[in-house]
Amino acid sequence: MGENTYTWEQVRAYSIIALNNLLNSENNISLKRMKLYIDSLQTIHHKDGVVGYSQRLIEKENRGE
């Protein structure tokens, strides 16, 4: 398996998505649970589309949805 490299925008986007998922799924938020949510994202979201998806989550939050 080759090395995966990510831009800062992709790293930030994965973090935003993980935090969104954690906040919407868990009552008990901890660093251990955050790590679980981040680790699962690499197989769920391809890095080429992750920045756009995180931006849509931010826009949705700004609209109050």
N, C-alpha and C. Protein backbone atom coordinates (compact mmCIF):
# COMPACT_ATOMS: atom_id res chain seq x y z
N MET A 1 0.84 -1.16 0.00
CA MET A 1 0.00 0.00 0.00
C MET A 1 0.89 1.23 0.00
N GLY A 2 0.61 2.20 -0.88
CA GLY A 2 1.39 3.41 -0.96
C GLY A 2 1.06 4.38 0.16
N GLU A 3 1.94 5.33 0.33
CA GLU A 3 1.74 6.34 1.35
C GLU A 3 0.67 7.33 0.91
N ASN A 4 -0.24 7.65 1.80
CA ASN A 4 -1.25 8.66 1.52
C ASN A 4 -0.74 10.00 2.03
N THR A 5 -0.82 11.00 1.18
CA THR A 5 -0.49 12.35 1.61
C THR A 5 -1.72 13.22 1.45
N TYR A 6 -1.88 14.14 2.38
CA TYR A 6 -3.06 14.98 2.42
C TYR A 6 -2.65 16.44 2.50
N THR A 7 -3.44 17.30 1.90
CA THR A 7 -3.23 18.73 2.05
C THR A 7 -3.81 19.16 3.38
N TRP A 8 -3.45 20.36 3.82
CA TRP A 8 -4.01 20.88 5.06
C TRP A 8 -5.52 20.99 4.96
N GLU A 9 -6.02 21.42 3.81
CA GLU A 9 -7.47 21.56 3.64
C GLU A 9 -8.17 20.22 3.80
N GLN A 10 -7.56 19.14 3.30
CA GLN A 10 -8.16 17.82 3.44
C GLN A 10 -8.13 17.36 4.90
N VAL A 11 -7.03 17.61 5.59
CA VAL A 11 -6.93 17.24 7.01
C VAL A 11 -7.99 17.97 7.81
N ARG A 12 -8.11 19.27 7.57
CA ARG A 12 -9.11 20.07 8.26
C ARG A 12 -10.52 19.58 7.92
N ALA A 13 -10.75 19.24 6.67
CA ALA A 13 -12.07 18.77 6.26
C ALA A 13 -12.42 17.45 6.94
N TYR A 14 -11.48 16.52 7.00
CA TYR A 14 -11.74 15.27 7.70
C TYR A 14 -12.08 15.53 9.16
N SER A 15 -11.41 16.47 9.79
CA SER A 15 -11.68 16.79 11.19
C SER A 15 -13.07 17.39 11.37
N ILE A 16 -13.47 18.25 10.46
CA ILE A 16 -14.80 18.85 10.53
C ILE A 16 -15.87 17.79 10.39
N ILE A 17 -15.70 16.89 9.44
CA ILE A 17 -16.68 15.82 9.22
C ILE A 17 -16.74 14.91 10.44
N ALA A 18 -15.58 14.55 10.99
CA ALA A 18 -15.56 13.68 12.16
C ALA A 18 -16.25 14.34 13.35
N LEU A 19 -15.97 15.61 13.57
CA LEU A 19 -16.60 16.31 14.69
C LEU A 19 -18.11 16.42 14.48
N ASN A 20 -18.53 16.70 13.28
CA ASN A 20 -19.96 16.74 12.97
C ASN A 20 -20.62 15.40 13.27
N ASN A 21 -20.00 14.33 12.81
CA ASN A 21 -20.57 12.99 13.04
C ASN A 21 -20.60 12.67 14.53
N LEU A 22 -19.54 13.02 15.23
CA LEU A 22 -19.47 12.76 16.67
C LEU A 22 -20.54 13.54 17.42
N LEU A 23 -20.68 14.81 17.12
CA LEU A 23 -21.66 15.64 17.81
C LEU A 23 -23.09 15.19 17.55
N ASN A 24 -23.33 14.62 16.38
CA ASN A 24 -24.68 14.18 16.03
C ASN A 24 -24.96 12.73 16.42
N SER A 25 -23.97 12.02 16.95
CA SER A 25 -24.16 10.61 17.24
C SER A 25 -23.90 10.20 18.69
N GLU A 26 -23.17 11.00 19.42
CA GLU A 26 -22.72 10.57 20.74
C GLU A 26 -23.14 11.56 21.82
N ASN A 27 -23.47 11.05 22.98
CA ASN A 27 -23.70 11.89 24.14
C ASN A 27 -22.42 12.01 24.95
N ASN A 28 -21.57 11.01 24.86
CA ASN A 28 -20.33 10.97 25.62
C ASN A 28 -19.17 11.26 24.68
N ILE A 29 -18.78 12.53 24.59
CA ILE A 29 -17.73 12.94 23.68
C ILE A 29 -16.39 12.88 24.40
N SER A 30 -15.44 12.20 23.77
CA SER A 30 -14.09 12.09 24.35
C SER A 30 -13.08 12.04 23.20
N LEU A 31 -11.82 12.20 23.55
CA LEU A 31 -10.77 12.12 22.54
C LEU A 31 -10.71 10.73 21.90
N LYS A 32 -10.94 9.70 22.70
CA LYS A 32 -10.92 8.33 22.19
C LYS A 32 -12.02 8.14 21.14
N ARG A 33 -13.21 8.65 21.42
CA ARG A 33 -14.31 8.54 20.46
C ARG A 33 -14.03 9.39 19.22
N MET A 34 -13.43 10.56 19.42
CA MET A 34 -13.08 11.41 18.28
C MET A 34 -12.12 10.67 17.36
N LYS A 35 -11.14 9.99 17.92
CA LYS A 35 -10.18 9.22 17.13
C LYS A 35 -10.89 8.15 16.32
N LEU A 36 -11.85 7.47 16.93
CA LEU A 36 -12.61 6.44 16.21
C LEU A 36 -13.35 7.03 15.01
N TYR A 37 -13.93 8.20 15.21
CA TYR A 37 -14.66 8.85 14.12
C TYR A 37 -13.72 9.31 13.01
N ILE A 38 -12.56 9.82 13.37
CA ILE A 38 -11.60 10.25 12.35
C ILE A 38 -11.06 9.05 11.60
N ASP A 39 -10.68 7.99 12.31
CA ASP A 39 -10.09 6.81 11.66
C ASP A 39 -11.02 6.19 10.63
N SER A 40 -12.31 6.20 10.89
CA SER A 40 -13.25 5.57 9.96
C SER A 40 -13.47 6.39 8.69
N LEU A 41 -13.15 7.67 8.71
CA LEU A 41 -13.43 8.53 7.56
C LEU A 41 -12.57 8.22 6.34
N GLN A 42 -11.38 7.71 6.54
CA GLN A 42 -10.50 7.45 5.40
C GLN A 42 -11.11 6.43 4.44
N THR A 43 -11.87 5.50 4.95
CA THR A 43 -12.50 4.51 4.07
C THR A 43 -13.88 4.95 3.59
N ILE A 44 -14.49 5.91 4.29
CA ILE A 44 -15.83 6.37 3.92
C ILE A 44 -15.80 7.47 2.87
N HIS A 45 -14.89 8.43 3.04
CA HIS A 45 -14.84 9.59 2.15
C HIS A 45 -13.51 9.63 1.41
N HIS A 46 -13.56 9.71 0.09
CA HIS A 46 -12.35 9.83 -0.70
C HIS A 46 -11.78 11.23 -0.51
N LYS A 47 -10.48 11.34 -0.43
CA LYS A 47 -9.87 12.62 -0.10
C LYS A 47 -10.12 13.71 -1.14
N ASP A 48 -10.44 13.35 -2.37
CA ASP A 48 -10.70 14.36 -3.39
C ASP A 48 -12.02 15.11 -3.17
N GLY A 49 -12.96 14.49 -2.49
CA GLY A 49 -14.25 15.13 -2.29
C GLY A 49 -14.51 15.62 -0.88
N VAL A 50 -13.57 15.40 0.00
CA VAL A 50 -13.80 15.68 1.41
C VAL A 50 -13.90 17.17 1.72
N VAL A 51 -13.16 18.00 1.02
CA VAL A 51 -13.20 19.44 1.29
C VAL A 51 -14.57 20.01 0.96
N GLY A 52 -15.12 19.63 -0.18
CA GLY A 52 -16.45 20.10 -0.57
C GLY A 52 -17.52 19.64 0.39
N TYR A 53 -17.42 18.40 0.84
CA TYR A 53 -18.41 17.87 1.77
C TYR A 53 -18.36 18.62 3.10
N SER A 54 -17.16 18.88 3.60
CA SER A 54 -17.07 19.60 4.87
C SER A 54 -17.60 21.02 4.72
N GLN A 55 -17.37 21.63 3.57
CA GLN A 55 -17.89 22.98 3.34
C GLN A 55 -19.42 22.97 3.33
N ARG A 56 -20.02 21.94 2.76
CA ARG A 56 -21.49 21.84 2.77
C ARG A 56 -22.01 21.68 4.20
N LEU A 57 -21.29 20.95 5.04
CA LEU A 57 -21.71 20.81 6.45
C LEU A 57 -21.66 22.16 7.17
N ILE A 58 -20.62 22.94 6.91
CA ILE A 58 -20.50 24.25 7.52
C ILE A 58 -21.63 25.16 7.04
N GLU A 59 -21.90 25.14 5.76
CA GLU A 59 -22.99 25.96 5.21
C GLU A 59 -24.34 25.55 5.80
N LYS A 60 -24.54 24.27 5.96
CA LYS A 60 -25.78 23.76 6.56
C LYS A 60 -25.92 24.26 8.00
N GLU A 61 -24.82 24.23 8.75
CA GLU A 61 -24.85 24.73 10.12
C GLU A 61 -25.14 26.23 10.15
N ASN A 62 -24.55 26.97 9.22
CA ASN A 62 -24.78 28.41 9.16
C ASN A 62 -26.23 28.75 8.87
N ARG A 63 -26.90 27.88 8.12
CA ARG A 63 -28.32 28.09 7.82
C ARG A 63 -29.22 27.65 8.98
N GLY A 64 -28.63 27.00 9.97
CA GLY A 64 -29.40 26.56 11.14
C GLY A 64 -30.10 25.23 10.95
N GLU A 65 -29.67 24.47 10.02
CA GLU A 65 -30.30 23.16 9.76
C GLU A 65 -29.75 22.11 10.68
